[in-house]
Structure formats: C-alpha cells, structure tokens
Amino acid sequence: MDVKIEPMEFFHAVDTARSRMMVSMAMRINAATTYKRSLNQRINEEVVGAVGEIAIAKTLDAFHIGSVNTFHRVPDCIADTEVRATSFENGSLIIRDNDPENRCYVLVVGEAPTVRIAGWIMGYDAKQDEWIKNPHGHRTAWFVPQSALMPWQLRLERIKSDLTSPDSLDDYPERF
C-alpha cells in the first residue's frame, strides 16, 4: 500500500526527528546502541522513522503527534502497534531482543514523498531463528523479510472495524 507524504507532513517528520534527537542528547541517552552512526545518519534515520509513523497515521485517518522520549514504554501507534521504517525498498523489519513480543510491528519502506507499507507481523512471530542476524557485529536482531509480513490492509480493516464497535473502544485509545 503506497502512501503519499505531503510537504507539511514531511516537515512535521523533520521536526519530530529533531526533537527526538535533541531530547536524547540533552538526557545523554546513547542513541547509537546498535551501531556507530554519524549525526547525519542518525537524523536521516529519525526522519525516515517519523515519515513511517505519519504514513501509518494517515491510513488510520489519525493525526500523528510525534511522541518524544517514550521508547518502549508507549507504542508508536494505537494501543499495540510499533512502526519500523527504512529507506531501503527491499529492507527487512527489524525486531530487537528488548522489543515487546505482544505488539504488532509494521514495516514502512522508501522515502518521501511516497512510501510503501510493506506489511506487519506480531513480535512473537518475528523471533524465528532463521531471521537472526548481526550485520554490524554489535547486537543481534531478527530481520524479518517482507515476504513473511502480512498485508497492512488486513490489519487496517480489523482496526477500523474494531474502532466502530462500542465494545472495543478501550482496546484502541487515541495515540496519534
């Protein structure tokens, strides 16, 4: 599923990325725990991540707030959904050992102005031995190939259906 990112949405992603980096630096949080990155690379990856979150928000007809300093405590999206993004069209969805297994992980690939939602997987399904890699020699992770992901459209339809049901509104608090 392709999502077009409008210029103002892209600038919001840049602002979100800048805020996240500034807060991390002010708190002396080492944002380079997985591998060594330059400031340019870090800001680029933060922008790509924020663009991915905005793409998911758009599919949900929701506004993206751009949370800062929430890390693993609060999901990126509604109640149980984390967004992973990469500028690599054929990139994998990366799950780390400290990622909650009971959350849904969705992969967004490409660069603005048009990105593609490659699909999603539950954390506990992503942790398969065949997908373990350590490309930077520092920390292993699960690199889930796009071929193993389920279509975002299926998850999206379920979420929207649940949101219209009065019985399940507590399952999806406003997050964006």
C-alpha atoms as a PDB file:
ATOM      1  CA  MET A   1       0.000   0.000   0.000  1.00  0.00           C
ATOM      2  CA  ASP A   2       1.531   3.306  -1.091  1.00  0.00           C
ATOM      3  CA  VAL A   3       1.091   6.458   0.995  1.00  0.00           C
ATOM      4  CA  LYS A   4       1.835   9.968  -0.259  1.00  0.00           C
ATOM      5  CA  ILE A   5       3.505  12.251   2.275  1.00  0.00           C
ATOM      6  CA  GLU A   6       2.582  15.896   1.726  1.00  0.00           C
ATOM      7  CA  PRO A   7       5.232  18.633   2.192  1.00  0.00           C
ATOM      8  CA  MET A   8       3.800  19.822   5.533  1.00  0.00           C
ATOM      9  CA  GLU A   9       3.710  16.229   6.787  1.00  0.00           C
ATOM     10  CA  PHE A  10       7.340  15.804   5.771  1.00  0.00           C
ATOM     11  CA  PHE A  11       8.301  18.987   7.656  1.00  0.00           C
ATOM     12  CA  HIS A  12       6.436  17.594  10.675  1.00  0.00           C
ATOM     13  CA  ALA A  13       8.554  14.421  10.372  1.00  0.00           C
ATOM     14  CA  VAL A  14      11.724  16.530  10.289  1.00  0.00           C
ATOM     15  CA  ASP A  15      10.604  18.475  13.380  1.00  0.00           C
ATOM     16  CA  THR A  16       9.759  15.224  15.181  1.00  0.00           C
ATOM     17  CA  ALA A  17      13.175  13.779  14.323  1.00  0.00           C
ATOM     18  CA  ARG A  18      14.934  16.934  15.500  1.00  0.00           C
ATOM     19  CA  SER A  19      13.000  16.948  18.779  1.00  0.00           C
ATOM     20  CA  ARG A  20      13.777  13.289  19.426  1.00  0.00           C
ATOM     21  CA  MET A  21      17.476  13.783  18.841  1.00  0.00           C
ATOM     22  CA  MET A  22      17.660  16.971  20.932  1.00  0.00           C
ATOM     23  CA  VAL A  23      15.916  15.340  23.895  1.00  0.00           C
ATOM     24  CA  SER A  24      18.096  12.212  23.658  1.00  0.00           C
ATOM     25  CA  MET A  25      21.255  14.328  23.558  1.00  0.00           C
ATOM     26  CA  ALA A  26      20.092  16.530  26.433  1.00  0.00           C
ATOM     27  CA  MET A  27      19.359  13.419  28.512  1.00  0.00           C
ATOM     28  CA  ARG A  28      22.682  11.877  27.436  1.00  0.00           C
ATOM     29  CA  ILE A  29      20.902   8.842  26.072  1.00  0.00           C
ATOM     30  CA  ASN A  30      23.144   6.868  23.761  1.00  0.00           C
ATOM     31  CA  ALA A  31      21.033   6.580  20.611  1.00  0.00           C
ATOM     32  CA  ALA A  32      23.782   4.612  18.884  1.00  0.00           C
ATOM     33  CA  THR A  33      23.499   1.411  20.895  1.00  0.00           C
ATOM     34  CA  THR A  34      23.123  -0.830  17.859  1.00  0.00           C
ATOM     35  CA  TYR A  35      25.986   0.539  15.784  1.00  0.00           C
ATOM     36  CA  LYS A  36      28.047   3.688  15.420  1.00  0.00           C
ATOM     37  CA  ARG A  37      26.335   6.373  13.357  1.00  0.00           C
ATOM     38  CA  SER A  38      27.170   9.926  12.383  1.00  0.00           C
ATOM     39  CA  LEU A  39      24.816  12.735  13.331  1.00  0.00           C
ATOM     40  CA  ASN A  40      23.798  12.985   9.678  1.00  0.00           C
ATOM     41  CA  GLN A  41      22.926   9.301   9.565  1.00  0.00           C
ATOM     42  CA  ARG A  42      21.020   9.492  12.854  1.00  0.00           C
ATOM     43  CA  ILE A  43      18.876  12.444  11.778  1.00  0.00           C
ATOM     44  CA  ASN A  44      18.156  10.800   8.437  1.00  0.00           C
ATOM     45  CA  GLU A  45      17.063   7.573  10.139  1.00  0.00           C
ATOM     46  CA  GLU A  46      14.913   9.529  12.598  1.00  0.00           C
ATOM     47  CA  VAL A  47      13.201  11.355   9.709  1.00  0.00           C
ATOM     48  CA  VAL A  48      12.598   8.073   7.871  1.00  0.00           C
ATOM     49  CA  GLY A  49      11.076   6.643  11.062  1.00  0.00           C
ATOM     50  CA  ALA A  50       8.810   9.641  11.624  1.00  0.00           C
ATOM     51  CA  VAL A  51       7.686   9.534   7.980  1.00  0.00           C
ATOM     52  CA  GLY A  52       6.776   5.875   8.528  1.00  0.00           C
ATOM     53  CA  GLU A  53       4.702   6.765  11.587  1.00  0.00           C
ATOM     54  CA  ILE A  54       2.937   9.519   9.637  1.00  0.00           C
ATOM     55  CA  ALA A  55       2.148   7.064   6.824  1.00  0.00           C
ATOM     56  CA  ILE A  56       0.512   4.678   9.287  1.00  0.00           C
ATOM     57  CA  ALA A  57      -1.401   7.539  10.926  1.00  0.00           C
ATOM     58  CA  LYS A  58      -2.733   8.585   7.519  1.00  0.00           C
ATOM     59  CA  THR A  59      -4.077   5.084   6.841  1.00  0.00           C
ATOM     60  CA  LEU A  60      -5.898   5.305  10.170  1.00  0.00           C
ATOM     61  CA  ASP A  61      -7.272   8.788   9.372  1.00  0.00           C
ATOM     62  CA  ALA A  62      -5.475   9.980  12.503  1.00  0.00           C
ATOM     63  CA  PHE A  63      -3.158  12.868  13.310  1.00  0.00           C
ATOM     64  CA  HIS A  64       0.457  11.996  14.120  1.00  0.00           C
ATOM     65  CA  ILE A  65       1.628  13.631  17.341  1.00  0.00           C
ATOM     66  CA  GLY A  66       5.272  12.587  17.112  1.00  0.00           C
ATOM     67  CA  SER A  67       5.971  11.374  20.618  1.00  0.00           C
ATOM     68  CA  VAL A  68       9.367  12.091  22.147  1.00  0.00           C
ATOM     69  CA  ASN A  69      11.270  10.069  24.753  1.00  0.00           C
ATOM     70  CA  THR A  70       8.711   7.261  25.071  1.00  0.00           C
ATOM     71  CA  PHE A  71      10.926   4.457  23.714  1.00  0.00           C
ATOM     72  CA  HIS A  72       9.422   1.032  24.500  1.00  0.00           C
ATOM     73  CA  ARG A  73       7.021   2.250  27.190  1.00  0.00           C
ATOM     74  CA  VAL A  74       4.439   3.538  24.715  1.00  0.00           C
ATOM     75  CA  PRO A  75       3.754   2.079  21.259  1.00  0.00           C
ATOM     76  CA  ASP A  76       4.289   4.269  18.186  1.00  0.00           C
ATOM     77  CA  CYS A  77       0.649   3.934  17.179  1.00  0.00           C
ATOM     78  CA  ILE A  78      -2.615   2.821  18.642  1.00  0.00           C
ATOM     79  CA  ALA A  79      -2.529   0.517  21.651  1.00  0.00           C
ATOM     80  CA  ASP A  80      -0.304  -2.236  20.307  1.00  0.00           C
ATOM     81  CA  THR A  81       1.409  -1.106  17.111  1.00  0.00           C
ATOM     82  CA  GLU A  82       5.063  -0.221  16.528  1.00  0.00           C
ATOM     83  CA  VAL A  83       6.304   1.275  13.257  1.00  0.00           C
ATOM     84  CA  ARG A  84       9.640   0.301  11.733  1.00  0.00           C
ATOM     85  CA  ALA A  85      10.836   2.180   8.681  1.00  0.00           C
ATOM     86  CA  THR A  86      13.728   2.010   6.277  1.00  0.00           C
ATOM     87  CA  SER A  87      14.662   3.923   3.171  1.00  0.00           C
ATOM     88  CA  PHE A  88      15.670   0.614   1.560  1.00  0.00           C
ATOM     89  CA  GLU A  89      12.871  -0.635  -0.725  1.00  0.00           C
ATOM     90  CA  ASN A  90      13.808  -4.262  -0.014  1.00  0.00           C
ATOM     91  CA  GLY A  91      14.647  -3.693   3.647  1.00  0.00           C
ATOM     92  CA  SER A  92      13.669  -6.031   6.454  1.00  0.00           C
ATOM     93  CA  LEU A  93      11.564  -5.361   9.523  1.00  0.00           C
ATOM     94  CA  ILE A  94      13.979  -5.361  12.464  1.00  0.00           C
ATOM     95  CA  ILE A  95      12.963  -6.700  15.878  1.00  0.00           C
ATOM     96  CA  ARG A  96      15.356  -6.487  18.817  1.00  0.00           C
ATOM     97  CA  ASP A  97      15.519  -8.573  21.979  1.00  0.00           C
ATOM     98  CA  ASN A  98      14.016  -5.770  24.098  1.00  0.00           C
ATOM     99  CA  ASP A  99      11.007  -5.225  21.801  1.00  0.00           C
ATOM    100  CA  PRO A 100       7.721  -6.346  23.390  1.00  0.00           C
ATOM    101  CA  GLU A 101       6.563  -9.593  21.796  1.00  0.00           C
ATOM    102  CA  ASN A 102       2.861  -8.825  22.242  1.00  0.00           C
ATOM    103  CA  ARG A 103       2.869  -5.841  19.879  1.00  0.00           C
ATOM    104  CA  CYS A 104       2.240  -5.633  16.166  1.00  0.00           C
ATOM    105  CA  TYR A 105       5.216  -4.405  14.109  1.00  0.00           C
ATOM    106  CA  VAL A 106       4.574  -2.759  10.757  1.00  0.00           C
ATOM    107  CA  LEU A 107       7.249  -2.014   8.153  1.00  0.00           C
ATOM    108  CA  VAL A 108       7.225   1.133   6.012  1.00  0.00           C
ATOM    109  CA  VAL A 109       9.803   1.333   3.207  1.00  0.00           C
ATOM    110  CA  GLY A 110      11.037   4.050   0.850  1.00  0.00           C
ATOM    111  CA  GLU A 111      11.425   7.790   1.123  1.00  0.00           C
ATOM    112  CA  ALA A 112       9.046  10.729   0.960  1.00  0.00           C
ATOM    113  CA  PRO A 113       7.116  11.832  -0.940  1.00  0.00           C
ATOM    114  CA  THR A 114       5.790   8.289  -1.475  1.00  0.00           C
ATOM    115  CA  VAL A 115       6.400   5.400   0.898  1.00  0.00           C
ATOM    116  CA  ARG A 116       5.084   1.851   0.879  1.00  0.00           C
ATOM    117  CA  ILE A 117       3.641  -0.081   3.793  1.00  0.00           C
ATOM    118  CA  ALA A 118       5.239  -3.488   3.283  1.00  0.00           C
ATOM    119  CA  GLY A 119       3.223  -5.358   5.922  1.00  0.00           C
ATOM    120  CA  TRP A 120       3.118  -6.376   9.552  1.00  0.00           C
ATOM    121  CA  ILE A 121       3.863  -9.213  11.963  1.00  0.00           C
ATOM    122  CA  MET A 122       3.372  -9.868  15.662  1.00  0.00           C
ATOM    123  CA  GLY A 123       6.529  -9.655  17.774  1.00  0.00           C
ATOM    124  CA  TYR A 124       6.315 -13.256  18.946  1.00  0.00           C
ATOM    125  CA  ASP A 125       6.013 -14.470  15.327  1.00  0.00           C
ATOM    126  CA  ALA A 126       9.008 -12.378  14.255  1.00  0.00           C
ATOM    127  CA  LYS A 127      11.514 -14.039  16.578  1.00  0.00           C
ATOM    128  CA  GLN A 128      12.448 -17.003  14.406  1.00  0.00           C
ATOM    129  CA  ASP A 129      16.000 -18.365  14.435  1.00  0.00           C
ATOM    130  CA  GLU A 130      16.275 -18.233  10.645  1.00  0.00           C
ATOM    131  CA  TRP A 131      15.944 -14.423  10.722  1.00  0.00           C
ATOM    132  CA  ILE A 132      18.655 -13.692  13.332  1.00  0.00           C
ATOM    133  CA  LYS A 133      21.473 -11.513  12.016  1.00  0.00           C
ATOM    134  CA  ASN A 134      24.200  -9.277  13.393  1.00  0.00           C
ATOM    135  CA  PRO A 135      25.273  -7.131  10.425  1.00  0.00           C
ATOM    136  CA  HIS A 136      27.214  -4.567  12.452  1.00  0.00           C
ATOM    137  CA  GLY A 137      28.915  -7.025  14.787  1.00  0.00           C
ATOM    138  CA  HIS A 138      27.453  -5.405  17.901  1.00  0.00           C
ATOM    139  CA  ARG A 139      23.946  -6.669  18.587  1.00  0.00           C
ATOM    140  CA  THR A 140      21.881  -9.464  17.103  1.00  0.00           C
ATOM    141  CA  ALA A 141      18.339  -8.841  15.945  1.00  0.00           C
ATOM    142  CA  TRP A 142      15.628 -10.531  13.906  1.00  0.00           C
ATOM    143  CA  PHE A 143      15.497  -9.268  10.318  1.00  0.00           C
ATOM    144  CA  VAL A 144      12.046 -10.291   9.093  1.00  0.00           C
ATOM    145  CA  PRO A 145      11.864 -10.404   5.283  1.00  0.00           C
ATOM    146  CA  GLN A 146       8.996  -8.592   3.590  1.00  0.00           C
ATOM    147  CA  SER A 147       7.789 -11.909   2.160  1.00  0.00           C
ATOM    148  CA  ALA A 148       6.946 -13.042   5.724  1.00  0.00           C
ATOM    149  CA  LEU A 149       4.792  -9.998   6.509  1.00  0.00           C
ATOM    150  CA  MET A 150       1.012  -9.902   6.358  1.00  0.00           C
ATOM    151  CA  PRO A 151      -0.680  -7.161   4.317  1.00  0.00           C
ATOM    152  CA  TRP A 152      -1.291  -3.955   6.283  1.00  0.00           C
ATOM    153  CA  GLN A 153      -4.714  -3.643   4.628  1.00  0.00           C
ATOM    154  CA  LEU A 154      -5.945  -6.701   6.572  1.00  0.00           C
ATOM    155  CA  ARG A 155      -4.808  -5.255   9.903  1.00  0.00           C
ATOM    156  CA  LEU A 156      -6.144  -1.832   8.981  1.00  0.00           C
ATOM    157  CA  GLU A 157      -9.613  -3.195   8.204  1.00  0.00           C
ATOM    158  CA  ARG A 158      -9.675  -5.014  11.553  1.00  0.00           C
ATOM    159  CA  ILE A 159      -8.590  -1.898  13.457  1.00  0.00           C
ATOM    160  CA  LYS A 160     -11.177   0.296  11.729  1.00  0.00           C
ATOM    161  CA  SER A 161     -13.875  -2.307  12.313  1.00  0.00           C
ATOM    162  CA  ASP A 162     -12.940  -2.515  15.989  1.00  0.00           C
ATOM    163  CA  LEU A 163     -12.916   1.269  16.304  1.00  0.00           C
ATOM    164  CA  THR A 164     -16.510   1.476  15.115  1.00  0.00           C
ATOM    165  CA  SER A 165     -17.629  -1.118  17.662  1.00  0.00           C
ATOM    166  CA  PRO A 166     -18.569   0.482  21.004  1.00  0.00           C
ATOM    167  CA  ASP A 167     -17.444  -2.668  22.857  1.00  0.00           C
ATOM    168  CA  SER A 168     -13.831  -2.403  21.735  1.00  0.00           C
ATOM    169  CA  LEU A 169     -13.053   1.299  22.017  1.00  0.00           C
ATOM    170  CA  ASP A 170     -10.993   0.678  25.158  1.00  0.00           C
ATOM    171  CA  ASP A 171      -8.651  -1.548  23.145  1.00  0.00           C
ATOM    172  CA  TYR A 172      -7.531   1.338  20.918  1.00  0.00           C
ATOM    173  CA  PRO A 173      -7.063   4.556  22.880  1.00  0.00           C
ATOM    174  CA  GLU A 174      -6.238   7.678  20.896  1.00  0.00           C
ATOM    175  CA  ARG A 175      -2.469   7.601  20.377  1.00  0.00           C
ATOM    176  CA  PHE A 176      -1.544   9.849  17.475  1.00  0.00           C
END
